[in-house]
C-alpha atoms as a PDB file:
ATOM      1  CA  MET A   1     -10.941   2.555  23.747  1.00  0.00           C
ATOM      2  CA  ALA A   2      -7.927   1.457  21.851  1.00  0.00           C
ATOM      3  CA  VAL A   3      -6.730   2.701  18.482  1.00  0.00           C
ATOM      4  CA  HIS A   4      -5.429   0.075  16.292  1.00  0.00           C
ATOM      5  CA  ALA A   5      -3.331   1.124  13.327  1.00  0.00           C
ATOM      6  CA  ALA A   6      -0.891   0.134  11.114  1.00  0.00           C
ATOM      7  CA  ALA A   7       1.559   0.945   8.007  1.00  0.00           C
ATOM      8  CA  VAL A   8       2.015  -1.222   5.158  1.00  0.00           C
ATOM      9  CA  ILE A   9       4.616  -0.873   3.482  1.00  0.00           C
ATOM     10  CA  LEU A  10       4.548  -2.522  -0.378  1.00  0.00           C
ATOM     11  CA  GLU A  11       7.744  -2.337  -2.244  1.00  0.00           C
ATOM     12  CA  LEU A  12       6.580  -2.992  -5.885  1.00  0.00           C
ATOM     13  CA  ARG A  13       8.708  -3.453  -9.364  1.00  0.00           C
ATOM     14  CA  ILE A  14       6.777  -2.428 -12.193  1.00  0.00           C
ATOM     15  CA  PRO A  15       8.425  -4.217 -15.492  1.00  0.00           C
ATOM     16  CA  GLY A  16       6.805  -2.763 -18.120  1.00  0.00           C
ATOM     17  CA  SER A  17       7.794   0.925 -17.427  1.00  0.00           C
ATOM     18  CA  GLN A  18      10.118   2.683 -19.512  1.00  0.00           C
ATOM     19  CA  SER A  19       9.189   5.727 -18.236  1.00  0.00           C
ATOM     20  CA  LEU A  20       7.906   8.095 -15.503  1.00  0.00           C
ATOM     21  CA  LYS A  21       4.719   8.375 -17.453  1.00  0.00           C
ATOM     22  CA  GLU A  22       4.920   4.405 -17.761  1.00  0.00           C
ATOM     23  CA  LYS A  23       5.184   4.430 -14.162  1.00  0.00           C
ATOM     24  CA  ARG A  24       2.445   6.712 -13.522  1.00  0.00           C
ATOM     25  CA  THR A  25       0.131   5.027 -16.156  1.00  0.00           C
ATOM     26  CA  VAL A  26       0.455   2.486 -13.943  1.00  0.00           C
ATOM     27  CA  LEU A  27       0.790   3.179 -10.770  1.00  0.00           C
ATOM     28  CA  GLY A  28      -2.667   6.130 -10.380  1.00  0.00           C
ATOM     29  CA  PRO A  29      -5.282   3.359 -11.365  1.00  0.00           C
ATOM     30  CA  LEU A  30      -4.038   0.977  -8.492  1.00  0.00           C
ATOM     31  CA  VAL A  31      -3.701   4.097  -5.496  1.00  0.00           C
ATOM     32  CA  ALA A  32      -7.211   4.960  -6.920  1.00  0.00           C
ATOM     33  CA  ALA A  33      -8.495   1.570  -6.335  1.00  0.00           C
ATOM     34  CA  LEU A  34      -6.615   1.536  -3.155  1.00  0.00           C
ATOM     35  CA  ARG A  35      -8.264   4.003  -1.523  1.00  0.00           C
ATOM     36  CA  ASN A  36     -11.467   4.088  -3.404  1.00  0.00           C
ATOM     37  CA  ASP A  37     -12.115  -0.230  -2.182  1.00  0.00           C
ATOM     38  CA  LEU A  38     -10.329  -0.007   0.955  1.00  0.00           C
ATOM     39  CA  PRO A  39     -10.804   2.836   4.339  1.00  0.00           C
ATOM     40  CA  ILE A  40      -6.746   3.451   3.673  1.00  0.00           C
ATOM     41  CA  ALA A  41      -4.658   6.257   3.173  1.00  0.00           C
ATOM     42  CA  VAL A  42      -2.779   5.541   0.117  1.00  0.00           C
ATOM     43  CA  ALA A  43       0.612   7.596  -1.279  1.00  0.00           C
ATOM     44  CA  GLU A  44       4.120   6.870  -2.554  1.00  0.00           C
ATOM     45  CA  ALA A  45       6.948   6.905  -0.431  1.00  0.00           C
ATOM     46  CA  GLU A  46      10.244   6.477  -2.230  1.00  0.00           C
ATOM     47  CA  HIS A  47      11.849   6.048  -5.780  1.00  0.00           C
ATOM     48  CA  GLN A  48       9.344   8.675  -7.020  1.00  0.00           C
ATOM     49  CA  ASN A  49      12.007   9.540  -9.989  1.00  0.00           C
ATOM     50  CA  THR A  50      12.947   6.142 -10.297  1.00  0.00           C
ATOM     51  CA  TRP A  51      10.585   4.011 -13.598  1.00  0.00           C
ATOM     52  CA  GLN A  52      10.770   0.395 -12.475  1.00  0.00           C
ATOM     53  CA  LEU A  53      10.704   0.739  -8.538  1.00  0.00           C
ATOM     54  CA  SER A  54       7.989   2.153  -6.083  1.00  0.00           C
ATOM     55  CA  THR A  55       7.576   2.118  -2.613  1.00  0.00           C
ATOM     56  CA  LEU A  56       3.432   2.454  -1.581  1.00  0.00           C
ATOM     57  CA  VAL A  57       2.734   3.106   1.930  1.00  0.00           C
ATOM     58  CA  ALA A  58      -0.788   2.331   3.101  1.00  0.00           C
ATOM     59  CA  ALA A  59      -1.839   3.672   6.770  1.00  0.00           C
ATOM     60  CA  VAL A  60      -4.532   1.759   7.882  1.00  0.00           C
ATOM     61  CA  VAL A  61      -7.133   2.754  11.323  1.00  0.00           C
ATOM     62  CA  GLY A  62      -8.788  -0.232  12.549  1.00  0.00           C
ATOM     63  CA  ALA A  63     -11.790  -0.014  15.496  1.00  0.00           C
ATOM     64  CA  ASP A  64     -10.204  -3.867  16.470  1.00  0.00           C
ATOM     65  CA  SER A  65      -7.432  -6.153  15.827  1.00  0.00           C
ATOM     66  CA  ALA A  66      -9.408  -8.244  14.223  1.00  0.00           C
ATOM     67  CA  THR A  67     -10.618  -5.101  11.340  1.00  0.00           C
ATOM     68  CA  LEU A  68      -6.838  -4.029  11.657  1.00  0.00           C
ATOM     69  CA  GLU A  69      -5.840  -7.223   9.939  1.00  0.00           C
ATOM     70  CA  SER A  70      -8.750  -7.638   7.559  1.00  0.00           C
ATOM     71  CA  ILE A  71      -7.918  -4.644   6.054  1.00  0.00           C
ATOM     72  CA  ILE A  72      -4.518  -4.459   5.615  1.00  0.00           C
ATOM     73  CA  ALA A  73      -4.927  -8.543   3.940  1.00  0.00           C
ATOM     74  CA  SER A  74      -7.082  -7.113   1.917  1.00  0.00           C
ATOM     75  CA  THR A  75      -4.670  -4.469   0.856  1.00  0.00           C
ATOM     76  CA  VAL A  76      -1.868  -6.615   0.247  1.00  0.00           C
ATOM     77  CA  ASP A  77      -4.316  -9.374  -1.885  1.00  0.00           C
ATOM     78  CA  LEU A  78      -5.277  -6.057  -4.142  1.00  0.00           C
ATOM     79  CA  VAL A  79      -1.636  -5.280  -5.334  1.00  0.00           C
ATOM     80  CA  ASP A  80      -0.560  -8.605  -5.527  1.00  0.00           C
ATOM     81  CA  ARG A  81      -3.838  -9.444  -8.174  1.00  0.00           C
ATOM     82  CA  ARG A  82      -2.432  -6.962 -10.343  1.00  0.00           C
ATOM     83  CA  ILE A  83      -0.462  -8.351 -13.318  1.00  0.00           C
ATOM     84  CA  ASP A  84       0.964  -5.236 -13.984  1.00  0.00           C
ATOM     85  CA  VAL A  85       3.353  -5.042 -10.938  1.00  0.00           C
ATOM     86  CA  GLU A  86       5.407  -7.230  -9.193  1.00  0.00           C
ATOM     87  CA  VAL A  87       5.559  -7.193  -5.264  1.00  0.00           C
ATOM     88  CA  VAL A  88       9.390  -7.263  -4.123  1.00  0.00           C
ATOM     89  CA  ALA A  89       8.354  -7.304  -0.652  1.00  0.00           C
ATOM     90  CA  THR A  90       5.811  -6.347   2.319  1.00  0.00           C
ATOM     91  CA  SER A  91       6.212  -4.937   5.532  1.00  0.00           C
ATOM     92  CA  VAL A  92       3.420  -3.701   8.301  1.00  0.00           C
ATOM     93  CA  SER A  93       4.418  -1.445  11.441  1.00  0.00           C
ATOM     94  CA  TYR A  94       2.032  -1.619  14.337  1.00  0.00           C
ATOM     95  CA  VAL A  95       1.442   1.820  16.271  1.00  0.00           C
ATOM     96  CA  GLU A  96       0.829   1.466  20.029  1.00  0.00           C
ATOM     97  CA  ASP A  97      -1.604   3.393  21.273  1.00  0.00           C
ATOM     98  CA  PRO A  98       0.315   5.640  23.997  1.00  0.00           C
ATOM     99  CA  ARG A  99      -2.921   5.615  25.821  1.00  0.00           C
ATOM    100  CA  GLY A 100      -2.387   1.258  26.984  1.00  0.00           C
END
């Protein structure tokens, strides 16, 4: 059985944030929604001490490539629909199964 996995990297701008506390009030519910609504693991990977920037990384695993792509699309869509963050860039890194 092949393993299908990817990392979704979301570069975000939080234009309304004027402090780290305000940034956390935006990111906390966003990260919770991602974790609750989708079968992913997600964390802030960069810009932890910057008020208006964040890099979220979501680890995605699927039983097959179609499932993986669906979860990736849902992840990006959920973040895109938010009015309190602006998606600056999105990238996906796929992990190959070393067993072939």
